[in-house]
Amino acid sequence: MTLKPFKLTVAAFTSAVAGAALLFSAGPASADNPPYSDCPAWALCLYQNGGGTGSKVVVTPPPAGGNTKIVRLINTHFLNGELADNQVSSWLNNSQCSVQFWDDPSGELHPSDLDYAPSWQWGLKGDYAFGTSKAYNNDRISSFRFYCP
């Protein structure tokens, strides 16, 4: 009968050691992704922080053939659940579409052009972090328009 308590003690000790090993080898739960990571090859990705870091929004452009689409960020959320309106600090355009970025919550009524991404420029990036040449655009994008040739 002393063999059973010994087996239980060994099993408990082994589990504790394995758990401690996992605890010390695992990265932090809030580890940052590499800059501009996981943006699909067909999408526009908006990032909450400069340099393509932080939470993101993946936006699907309209189909090619002269189609346009206006996206109002007042109705759009980052993957972390926060509203994207006036919170975009960088972007990556992997679509074939051109994109006009605006500072206007109504989208097309009286837009103030902030930035422009021409069509057929896959991988084009915009960064508005402090210290960049376009830092004055940080957290100002409220809507944008795709034009897909």
N, C-alpha and C. Protein backbone atom coordinates (compact mmCIF):
# COMPACT_ATOMS: atom_id res chain seq x y z
N MET A 1 0.80 -1.20 0.00
CA MET A 1 0.00 0.00 0.00
C MET A 1 0.85 1.27 0.00
N THR A 2 2.09 1.20 0.35
CA THR A 2 2.93 2.40 0.34
C THR A 2 3.36 2.77 -1.08
N LEU A 3 3.20 1.89 -2.03
CA LEU A 3 3.55 2.18 -3.40
C LEU A 3 2.61 3.20 -4.02
N LYS A 4 1.31 3.13 -3.69
CA LYS A 4 0.33 4.05 -4.27
C LYS A 4 0.59 5.49 -3.83
N PRO A 5 0.80 5.82 -2.54
CA PRO A 5 1.10 7.20 -2.17
C PRO A 5 2.41 7.69 -2.81
N PHE A 6 3.37 6.79 -2.97
CA PHE A 6 4.63 7.16 -3.60
C PHE A 6 4.40 7.56 -5.07
N LYS A 7 3.57 6.80 -5.80
CA LYS A 7 3.26 7.11 -7.19
C LYS A 7 2.53 8.46 -7.29
N LEU A 8 1.61 8.69 -6.35
CA LEU A 8 0.89 9.97 -6.37
C LEU A 8 1.84 11.14 -6.10
N THR A 9 2.78 10.94 -5.19
CA THR A 9 3.75 11.99 -4.88
C THR A 9 4.64 12.27 -6.08
N VAL A 10 5.09 11.22 -6.75
CA VAL A 10 5.94 11.38 -7.94
C VAL A 10 5.15 12.08 -9.06
N ALA A 11 3.91 11.70 -9.25
CA ALA A 11 3.08 12.32 -10.30
C ALA A 11 2.85 13.80 -9.99
N ALA A 12 2.59 14.13 -8.74
CA ALA A 12 2.37 15.52 -8.36
C ALA A 12 3.65 16.34 -8.55
N PHE A 13 4.78 15.78 -8.16
CA PHE A 13 6.06 16.46 -8.31
C PHE A 13 6.38 16.69 -9.79
N THR A 14 6.16 15.68 -10.62
CA THR A 14 6.42 15.79 -12.06
C THR A 14 5.53 16.85 -12.69
N SER A 15 4.27 16.90 -12.32
CA SER A 15 3.35 17.91 -12.84
C SER A 15 3.79 19.31 -12.42
N ALA A 16 4.22 19.45 -11.19
CA ALA A 16 4.67 20.76 -10.71
C ALA A 16 5.90 21.22 -11.46
N VAL A 17 6.84 20.32 -11.71
CA VAL A 17 8.06 20.67 -12.44
C VAL A 17 7.71 21.04 -13.89
N ALA A 18 6.84 20.27 -14.52
CA ALA A 18 6.44 20.57 -15.90
C ALA A 18 5.72 21.92 -15.98
N GLY A 19 4.85 22.19 -15.02
CA GLY A 19 4.14 23.47 -14.99
C GLY A 19 5.10 24.64 -14.81
N ALA A 20 6.07 24.47 -13.93
CA ALA A 20 7.05 25.53 -13.71
C ALA A 20 7.89 25.76 -14.96
N ALA A 21 8.24 24.69 -15.67
CA ALA A 21 9.00 24.82 -16.90
C ALA A 21 8.21 25.59 -17.96
N LEU A 22 6.94 25.29 -18.09
CA LEU A 22 6.09 26.03 -19.03
C LEU A 22 5.96 27.49 -18.64
N LEU A 23 5.81 27.74 -17.35
CA LEU A 23 5.65 29.10 -16.87
C LEU A 23 6.86 29.96 -17.21
N PHE A 24 8.06 29.42 -17.02
CA PHE A 24 9.27 30.19 -17.24
C PHE A 24 9.72 30.22 -18.69
N SER A 25 9.23 29.30 -19.52
CA SER A 25 9.65 29.29 -20.92
C SER A 25 8.67 30.00 -21.83
N ALA A 26 7.44 30.20 -21.41
CA ALA A 26 6.44 30.85 -22.25
C ALA A 26 6.66 32.36 -22.26
N GLY A 27 6.40 32.97 -23.41
CA GLY A 27 6.50 34.42 -23.53
C GLY A 27 5.31 35.07 -22.84
N PRO A 28 5.39 36.35 -22.63
CA PRO A 28 4.27 37.04 -22.00
C PRO A 28 3.03 37.01 -22.89
N ALA A 29 1.88 37.01 -22.29
CA ALA A 29 0.63 36.93 -23.04
C ALA A 29 0.41 38.16 -23.90
N SER A 30 1.01 39.27 -23.56
CA SER A 30 0.81 40.49 -24.32
C SER A 30 1.99 40.78 -25.24
N ALA A 31 2.74 39.76 -25.63
CA ALA A 31 3.90 39.96 -26.49
C ALA A 31 3.47 40.62 -27.80
N ASP A 32 4.26 41.59 -28.23
CA ASP A 32 3.95 42.29 -29.47
C ASP A 32 4.26 41.43 -30.68
N ASN A 33 3.45 41.59 -31.71
CA ASN A 33 3.73 40.94 -32.98
C ASN A 33 4.79 41.75 -33.71
N PRO A 34 5.47 41.13 -34.66
CA PRO A 34 6.42 41.90 -35.46
C PRO A 34 5.68 43.02 -36.21
N PRO A 35 6.36 44.11 -36.52
CA PRO A 35 5.70 45.22 -37.22
C PRO A 35 5.04 44.77 -38.52
N TYR A 36 3.84 45.27 -38.75
CA TYR A 36 3.05 45.01 -39.96
C TYR A 36 2.78 43.52 -40.18
N SER A 37 2.68 42.74 -39.11
CA SER A 37 2.51 41.30 -39.24
C SER A 37 1.07 40.91 -39.52
N ASP A 38 0.91 39.79 -40.17
CA ASP A 38 -0.38 39.13 -40.40
C ASP A 38 -1.39 39.98 -41.16
N CYS A 39 -0.92 40.82 -42.04
CA CYS A 39 -1.84 41.56 -42.90
C CYS A 39 -2.01 40.73 -44.18
N PRO A 40 -3.24 40.32 -44.49
CA PRO A 40 -3.44 39.49 -45.69
C PRO A 40 -2.94 40.19 -46.96
N ALA A 41 -2.58 39.39 -47.95
CA ALA A 41 -1.98 39.90 -49.19
C ALA A 41 -2.97 40.65 -50.08
N TRP A 42 -4.20 40.79 -49.66
CA TRP A 42 -5.24 41.45 -50.47
C TRP A 42 -5.92 42.60 -49.74
N ALA A 43 -5.47 42.94 -48.54
CA ALA A 43 -6.22 43.84 -47.66
C ALA A 43 -5.46 45.14 -47.36
N LEU A 44 -6.19 46.06 -46.76
CA LEU A 44 -5.62 47.25 -46.14
C LEU A 44 -5.67 47.00 -44.64
N CYS A 45 -4.54 47.15 -43.97
CA CYS A 45 -4.50 46.97 -42.52
C CYS A 45 -4.16 48.30 -41.86
N LEU A 46 -4.94 48.65 -40.87
CA LEU A 46 -4.74 49.86 -40.09
C LEU A 46 -4.25 49.45 -38.71
N TYR A 47 -3.20 50.12 -38.21
CA TYR A 47 -2.61 49.75 -36.93
C TYR A 47 -2.80 50.87 -35.91
N GLN A 48 -3.01 50.47 -34.69
CA GLN A 48 -3.30 51.41 -33.62
C GLN A 48 -2.05 52.19 -33.21
N ASN A 49 -0.88 51.62 -33.38
CA ASN A 49 0.37 52.27 -33.00
C ASN A 49 1.25 52.48 -34.22
N GLY A 50 2.22 53.36 -34.08
CA GLY A 50 3.15 53.63 -35.16
C GLY A 50 4.01 52.42 -35.49
N GLY A 51 4.55 52.41 -36.70
CA GLY A 51 5.44 51.34 -37.12
C GLY A 51 4.74 50.01 -37.34
N GLY A 52 3.44 50.03 -37.56
CA GLY A 52 2.71 48.79 -37.82
C GLY A 52 2.61 47.89 -36.60
N THR A 53 2.53 48.49 -35.43
CA THR A 53 2.44 47.70 -34.20
C THR A 53 1.09 47.95 -33.52
N GLY A 54 0.83 47.19 -32.50
CA GLY A 54 -0.42 47.32 -31.77
C GLY A 54 -1.54 46.55 -32.45
N SER A 55 -2.74 46.77 -32.00
CA SER A 55 -3.89 46.09 -32.56
C SER A 55 -4.16 46.62 -33.97
N LYS A 56 -4.89 45.84 -34.76
CA LYS A 56 -5.11 46.24 -36.14
C LYS A 56 -6.56 46.04 -36.57
N VAL A 57 -6.88 46.66 -37.69
CA VAL A 57 -8.14 46.47 -38.40
C VAL A 57 -7.76 45.95 -39.77
N VAL A 58 -8.39 44.87 -40.22
CA VAL A 58 -8.19 44.35 -41.56
C VAL A 58 -9.41 44.76 -42.38
N VAL A 59 -9.18 45.55 -43.43
CA VAL A 59 -10.28 46.08 -44.24
C VAL A 59 -10.23 45.43 -45.63
N THR A 60 -11.36 44.87 -46.05
CA THR A 60 -11.47 44.25 -47.36
C THR A 60 -11.87 45.30 -48.39
N PRO A 61 -11.06 45.47 -49.44
CA PRO A 61 -11.42 46.44 -50.47
C PRO A 61 -12.54 45.91 -51.37
N PRO A 62 -13.16 46.79 -52.16
CA PRO A 62 -14.17 46.30 -53.10
C PRO A 62 -13.49 45.54 -54.25
N PRO A 63 -14.26 44.83 -55.05
CA PRO A 63 -13.66 44.11 -56.17
C PRO A 63 -13.10 45.08 -57.22
N ALA A 64 -12.15 44.59 -57.99
CA ALA A 64 -11.55 45.39 -59.06
C ALA A 64 -12.59 45.69 -60.13
N GLY A 65 -12.28 46.65 -60.99
CA GLY A 65 -13.18 46.98 -62.09
C GLY A 65 -13.78 48.36 -61.96
N GLY A 66 -13.11 49.27 -61.27
CA GLY A 66 -13.60 50.64 -61.14
C GLY A 66 -14.52 50.85 -59.96
N ASN A 67 -14.55 49.92 -59.03
CA ASN A 67 -15.42 50.04 -57.86
C ASN A 67 -14.79 50.91 -56.79
N THR A 68 -15.65 51.62 -56.05
CA THR A 68 -15.20 52.43 -54.93
C THR A 68 -15.92 51.99 -53.65
N LYS A 69 -15.34 52.36 -52.53
CA LYS A 69 -15.95 52.03 -51.25
C LYS A 69 -15.46 53.05 -50.23
N ILE A 70 -16.38 53.63 -49.49
CA ILE A 70 -16.03 54.54 -48.41
C ILE A 70 -16.17 53.78 -47.09
N VAL A 71 -15.15 53.87 -46.27
CA VAL A 71 -15.16 53.20 -44.96
C VAL A 71 -15.09 54.29 -43.90
N ARG A 72 -16.08 54.29 -43.01
CA ARG A 72 -16.11 55.24 -41.90
C ARG A 72 -15.63 54.52 -40.64
N LEU A 73 -14.60 55.02 -40.05
CA LEU A 73 -14.01 54.34 -38.89
C LEU A 73 -14.83 54.52 -37.63
N ILE A 74 -15.86 55.34 -37.68
CA ILE A 74 -16.74 55.48 -36.51
C ILE A 74 -17.51 54.18 -36.27
N ASN A 75 -17.57 53.32 -37.29
CA ASN A 75 -18.25 52.02 -37.19
C ASN A 75 -17.28 50.85 -37.19
N THR A 76 -15.99 51.12 -37.03
CA THR A 76 -14.95 50.09 -37.18
C THR A 76 -14.15 49.97 -35.89
N HIS A 77 -13.82 48.74 -35.51
CA HIS A 77 -13.07 48.49 -34.28
C HIS A 77 -11.79 47.73 -34.57
N PHE A 78 -10.76 48.03 -33.78
CA PHE A 78 -9.54 47.24 -33.82
C PHE A 78 -9.85 45.85 -33.27
N LEU A 79 -8.95 44.91 -33.50
CA LEU A 79 -9.16 43.54 -33.00
C LEU A 79 -9.24 43.49 -31.48
N ASN A 80 -8.68 44.50 -30.79
CA ASN A 80 -8.77 44.52 -29.33
C ASN A 80 -10.09 45.12 -28.85
N GLY A 81 -10.99 45.49 -29.79
CA GLY A 81 -12.31 45.99 -29.44
C GLY A 81 -12.42 47.49 -29.37
N GLU A 82 -11.30 48.22 -29.39
CA GLU A 82 -11.35 49.68 -29.31
C GLU A 82 -11.76 50.27 -30.65
N LEU A 83 -12.47 51.38 -30.61
CA LEU A 83 -12.92 52.08 -31.80
C LEU A 83 -11.72 52.61 -32.58
N ALA A 84 -11.73 52.46 -33.91
CA ALA A 84 -10.60 52.87 -34.75
C ALA A 84 -10.67 54.34 -35.15
N ASP A 85 -11.80 54.99 -34.98
CA ASP A 85 -11.97 56.38 -35.39
C ASP A 85 -10.96 57.28 -34.68
N ASN A 86 -10.17 57.99 -35.46
CA ASN A 86 -9.13 58.90 -34.95
C ASN A 86 -8.13 58.19 -34.03
N GLN A 87 -7.85 56.93 -34.32
CA GLN A 87 -6.89 56.16 -33.52
C GLN A 87 -5.85 55.44 -34.37
N VAL A 88 -5.82 55.69 -35.67
CA VAL A 88 -4.88 55.00 -36.57
C VAL A 88 -3.54 55.73 -36.56
N SER A 89 -2.47 54.97 -36.32
CA SER A 89 -1.13 55.55 -36.31
C SER A 89 -0.25 55.04 -37.43
N SER A 90 -0.65 53.96 -38.09
CA SER A 90 0.09 53.46 -39.25
C SER A 90 -0.81 52.54 -40.05
N TRP A 91 -0.42 52.28 -41.31
CA TRP A 91 -1.21 51.42 -42.18
C TRP A 91 -0.30 50.70 -43.17
N LEU A 92 -0.84 49.63 -43.73
CA LEU A 92 -0.16 48.84 -44.76
C LEU A 92 -1.20 48.50 -45.82
N ASN A 93 -0.93 48.91 -47.06
CA ASN A 93 -1.87 48.65 -48.15
C ASN A 93 -1.35 47.49 -49.00
N ASN A 94 -1.94 46.33 -48.82
CA ASN A 94 -1.61 45.15 -49.63
C ASN A 94 -2.61 44.93 -50.76
N SER A 95 -3.52 45.88 -50.96
CA SER A 95 -4.51 45.73 -52.02
C SER A 95 -3.99 46.40 -53.29
N GLN A 96 -4.69 46.14 -54.40
CA GLN A 96 -4.33 46.82 -55.65
C GLN A 96 -4.97 48.19 -55.75
N CYS A 97 -5.79 48.54 -54.80
CA CYS A 97 -6.59 49.76 -54.84
C CYS A 97 -5.80 50.98 -54.36
N SER A 98 -6.22 52.13 -54.86
CA SER A 98 -5.73 53.38 -54.28
C SER A 98 -6.62 53.69 -53.07
N VAL A 99 -6.05 54.42 -52.12
CA VAL A 99 -6.79 54.76 -50.90
C VAL A 99 -6.56 56.23 -50.57
N GLN A 100 -7.65 56.97 -50.40
CA GLN A 100 -7.60 58.35 -49.92
C GLN A 100 -7.98 58.33 -48.45
N PHE A 101 -7.08 58.80 -47.60
CA PHE A 101 -7.34 58.84 -46.16
C PHE A 101 -7.85 60.24 -45.80
N TRP A 102 -8.96 60.29 -45.04
CA TRP A 102 -9.62 61.55 -44.73
C TRP A 102 -9.74 61.78 -43.23
N ASP A 103 -9.81 63.05 -42.89
CA ASP A 103 -10.14 63.47 -41.53
C ASP A 103 -11.53 64.10 -41.60
N ASP A 104 -12.55 63.26 -41.57
CA ASP A 104 -13.93 63.73 -41.64
C ASP A 104 -14.84 62.59 -41.25
N PRO A 105 -15.52 62.68 -40.13
CA PRO A 105 -16.36 61.56 -39.69
C PRO A 105 -17.52 61.26 -40.62
N SER A 106 -17.92 62.22 -41.47
CA SER A 106 -19.02 61.97 -42.40
C SER A 106 -18.54 61.32 -43.69
N GLY A 107 -17.25 61.18 -43.87
CA GLY A 107 -16.72 60.45 -45.01
C GLY A 107 -16.55 61.27 -46.25
N GLU A 108 -17.62 61.74 -46.84
CA GLU A 108 -17.49 62.41 -48.13
C GLU A 108 -18.07 63.82 -48.18
N LEU A 109 -18.61 64.32 -47.09
CA LEU A 109 -19.24 65.63 -47.13
C LEU A 109 -18.23 66.77 -47.26
N HIS A 110 -17.30 66.85 -46.37
CA HIS A 110 -16.26 67.88 -46.41
C HIS A 110 -14.93 67.25 -45.98
N PRO A 111 -14.43 66.32 -46.77
CA PRO A 111 -13.22 65.61 -46.31
C PRO A 111 -11.98 66.49 -46.35
N SER A 112 -11.13 66.26 -45.41
CA SER A 112 -9.81 66.87 -45.38
C SER A 112 -8.82 65.75 -45.71
N ASP A 113 -8.19 65.86 -46.88
CA ASP A 113 -7.26 64.81 -47.30
C ASP A 113 -6.05 64.78 -46.38
N LEU A 114 -5.77 63.60 -45.83
CA LEU A 114 -4.60 63.43 -44.97
C LEU A 114 -3.46 62.73 -45.68
N ASP A 115 -3.80 61.70 -46.44
CA ASP A 115 -2.75 60.90 -47.08
C ASP A 115 -3.36 60.18 -48.27
N TYR A 116 -2.51 59.65 -49.12
CA TYR A 116 -2.95 58.96 -50.33
C TYR A 116 -2.02 57.80 -50.63
N ALA A 117 -2.61 56.66 -50.94
CA ALA A 117 -1.84 55.48 -51.36
C ALA A 117 -2.26 55.16 -52.80
N PRO A 118 -1.36 55.30 -53.77
CA PRO A 118 -1.73 55.02 -55.16
C PRO A 118 -1.98 53.53 -55.39
N SER A 119 -2.72 53.23 -56.45
CA SER A 119 -3.02 51.83 -56.77
C SER A 119 -1.77 51.11 -57.27
N TRP A 120 -1.83 49.80 -57.21
CA TRP A 120 -0.76 48.90 -57.68
C TRP A 120 0.54 49.09 -56.92
N GLN A 121 0.46 49.50 -55.66
CA GLN A 121 1.65 49.69 -54.82
C GLN A 121 1.60 48.74 -53.62
N TRP A 122 1.58 47.44 -53.90
CA TRP A 122 1.46 46.45 -52.83
C TRP A 122 2.56 46.65 -51.79
N GLY A 123 2.16 46.60 -50.54
CA GLY A 123 3.13 46.73 -49.45
C GLY A 123 3.45 48.16 -49.06
N LEU A 124 2.76 49.13 -49.65
CA LEU A 124 3.01 50.53 -49.31
C LEU A 124 2.56 50.78 -47.86
N LYS A 125 3.39 51.53 -47.11
CA LYS A 125 3.13 51.77 -45.70
C LYS A 125 3.01 53.26 -45.42
N GLY A 126 2.21 53.57 -44.43
CA GLY A 126 2.12 54.92 -43.90
C GLY A 126 2.37 54.85 -42.40
N ASP A 127 3.19 55.76 -41.89
CA ASP A 127 3.53 55.74 -40.47
C ASP A 127 3.46 57.16 -39.93
N TYR A 128 2.64 57.35 -38.91
CA TYR A 128 2.42 58.67 -38.33
C TYR A 128 2.95 58.77 -36.90
N ALA A 129 3.84 57.89 -36.53
CA ALA A 129 4.38 57.89 -35.17
C ALA A 129 5.20 59.16 -34.91
N PHE A 130 5.35 59.48 -33.64
CA PHE A 130 6.16 60.63 -33.25
C PHE A 130 7.57 60.47 -33.82
N GLY A 131 8.06 61.52 -34.40
CA GLY A 131 9.41 61.49 -34.98
C GLY A 131 9.42 61.21 -36.47
N THR A 132 8.28 60.81 -37.06
CA THR A 132 8.22 60.59 -38.50
C THR A 132 7.83 61.89 -39.19
N SER A 133 8.02 61.94 -40.51
CA SER A 133 7.73 63.16 -41.26
C SER A 133 6.23 63.47 -41.32
N LYS A 134 5.37 62.49 -41.06
CA LYS A 134 3.92 62.71 -41.10
C LYS A 134 3.27 62.54 -39.73
N ALA A 135 4.00 62.84 -38.69
CA ALA A 135 3.47 62.68 -37.33
C ALA A 135 2.25 63.56 -37.08
N TYR A 136 2.08 64.62 -37.85
CA TYR A 136 0.92 65.49 -37.69
C TYR A 136 -0.39 64.79 -38.07
N ASN A 137 -0.31 63.66 -38.77
CA ASN A 137 -1.51 62.88 -39.13
C ASN A 137 -1.87 61.82 -38.09
N ASN A 138 -1.07 61.70 -37.05
CA ASN A 138 -1.32 60.65 -36.06
C ASN A 138 -2.70 60.80 -35.41
N ASP A 139 -3.44 59.71 -35.38
CA ASP A 139 -4.76 59.66 -34.75
C ASP A 139 -5.75 60.66 -35.35
N ARG A 140 -5.66 60.91 -36.65
CA ARG A 140 -6.59 61.83 -37.29
C ARG A 140 -7.47 61.16 -38.34
N ILE A 141 -7.14 59.98 -38.80
CA ILE A 141 -7.93 59.34 -39.86
C ILE A 141 -9.28 58.92 -39.30
N SER A 142 -10.34 59.41 -39.94
CA SER A 142 -11.68 59.04 -39.51
C SER A 142 -12.45 58.30 -40.61
N SER A 143 -11.97 58.38 -41.85
CA SER A 143 -12.60 57.65 -42.95
C SER A 143 -11.64 57.60 -44.12
N PHE A 144 -11.95 56.76 -45.08
CA PHE A 144 -11.13 56.69 -46.29
C PHE A 144 -11.96 56.10 -47.43
N ARG A 145 -11.44 56.31 -48.63
CA ARG A 145 -12.13 55.80 -49.82
C ARG A 145 -11.17 54.97 -50.65
N PHE A 146 -11.64 53.76 -51.00
CA PHE A 146 -10.93 52.90 -51.94
C PHE A 146 -11.36 53.26 -53.36
N TYR A 147 -10.45 53.17 -54.30
CA TYR A 147 -10.79 53.12 -55.72
C TYR A 147 -9.98 51.96 -56.30
N CYS A 148 -10.69 50.97 -56.83
CA CYS A 148 -10.03 49.75 -57.30
C CYS A 148 -10.15 49.63 -58.82
N PRO A 149 -9.06 49.87 -59.53
CA PRO A 149 -9.09 49.81 -60.99
C PRO A 149 -9.31 48.39 -61.52
